[in-house]
Amino acid sequence: ANIENGCDKSVGNLLYT
């Protein structure tokens, strides 16, 4: 998953915070 704004995002949430 990508980490953005200090939040780890899972496959279904890669584009969501």
PDB file of N, CA and C in Angstrom:
ATOM      1  N   ALA A   1       0.852  -1.198   0.000  1.00  0.00           N
ATOM      2  CA  ALA A   1       0.000   0.000   0.000  1.00  0.00           C
ATOM      3  C   ALA A   1       0.882   1.241   0.000  1.00  0.00           C
ATOM      4  N   ASN A   2       0.326   2.350  -0.446  1.00  0.00           N
ATOM      5  CA  ASN A   2       1.057   3.619  -0.443  1.00  0.00           C
ATOM      6  C   ASN A   2       0.755   4.382   0.836  1.00  0.00           C
ATOM      7  N   ILE A   3       1.774   5.088   1.354  1.00  0.00           N
ATOM      8  CA  ILE A   3       1.579   5.858   2.575  1.00  0.00           C
ATOM      9  C   ILE A   3       1.549   7.342   2.228  1.00  0.00           C
ATOM     10  N   GLU A   4       0.454   7.995   2.561  1.00  0.00           N
ATOM     11  CA  GLU A   4       0.288   9.411   2.263  1.00  0.00           C
ATOM     12  C   GLU A   4      -0.386  10.077   3.454  1.00  0.00           C
ATOM     13  N   ASN A   5       0.056  11.262   3.799  1.00  0.00           N
ATOM     14  CA  ASN A   5      -0.491  11.984   4.938  1.00  0.00           C
ATOM     15  C   ASN A   5      -0.366  11.180   6.231  1.00  0.00           C
ATOM     16  N   GLY A   6       0.645  10.294   6.276  1.00  0.00           N
ATOM     17  CA  GLY A   6       0.870   9.499   7.476  1.00  0.00           C
ATOM     18  C   GLY A   6      -0.095   8.335   7.599  1.00  0.00           C
ATOM     19  N   CYS A   7      -0.920   8.095   6.542  1.00  0.00           N
ATOM     20  CA  CYS A   7      -1.886   7.006   6.602  1.00  0.00           C
ATOM     21  C   CYS A   7      -1.517   5.931   5.588  1.00  0.00           C
ATOM     22  N   ASP A   8      -1.463   4.688   6.048  1.00  0.00           N
ATOM     23  CA  ASP A   8      -1.173   3.574   5.162  1.00  0.00           C
ATOM     24  C   ASP A   8      -2.468   3.178   4.450  1.00  0.00           C
ATOM     25  N   LYS A   9      -2.467   3.193   3.142  1.00  0.00           N
ATOM     26  CA  LYS A   9      -3.658   2.867   2.399  1.00  0.00           C
ATOM     27  C   LYS A   9      -3.554   1.479   1.783  1.00  0.00           C
ATOM     28  N   SER A  10      -4.594   0.677   1.968  1.00  0.00           N
ATOM     29  CA  SER A  10      -4.629  -0.673   1.433  1.00  0.00           C
ATOM     30  C   SER A  10      -5.021  -0.662  -0.051  1.00  0.00           C
ATOM     31  N   VAL A  11      -4.982  -1.813  -0.688  1.00  0.00           N
ATOM     32  CA  VAL A  11      -5.268  -1.938  -2.115  1.00  0.00           C
ATOM     33  C   VAL A  11      -6.565  -1.224  -2.510  1.00  0.00           C
ATOM     34  N   GLY A  12      -7.615  -1.392  -1.749  1.00  0.00           N
ATOM     35  CA  GLY A  12      -8.902  -0.791  -2.076  1.00  0.00           C
ATOM     36  C   GLY A  12      -8.982   0.679  -1.711  1.00  0.00           C
ATOM     37  N   ASN A  13      -7.914   1.200  -1.092  1.00  0.00           N
ATOM     38  CA  ASN A  13      -7.952   2.590  -0.622  1.00  0.00           C
ATOM     39  C   ASN A  13      -6.738   3.385  -1.080  1.00  0.00           C
ATOM     40  N   LEU A  14      -6.077   2.924  -2.137  1.00  0.00           N
ATOM     41  CA  LEU A  14      -4.845   3.570  -2.575  1.00  0.00           C
ATOM     42  C   LEU A  14      -5.025   5.048  -2.918  1.00  0.00           C
ATOM     43  N   LEU A  15      -6.217   5.414  -3.364  1.00  0.00           N
ATOM     44  CA  LEU A  15      -6.434   6.797  -3.782  1.00  0.00           C
ATOM     45  C   LEU A  15      -7.237   7.584  -2.755  1.00  0.00           C
ATOM     46  N   TYR A  16      -7.490   6.936  -1.611  1.00  0.00           N
ATOM     47  CA  TYR A  16      -8.328   7.587  -0.596  1.00  0.00           C
ATOM     48  C   TYR A  16      -7.558   7.735   0.704  1.00  0.00           C
ATOM     49  N   THR A  17      -7.834   8.778   1.453  1.00  0.00           N
ATOM     50  CA  THR A  17      -7.157   9.044   2.709  1.00  0.00           C
ATOM     51  C   THR A  17      -7.997   8.512   3.859  1.00  0.00           C
TER      52      THR A  17
END
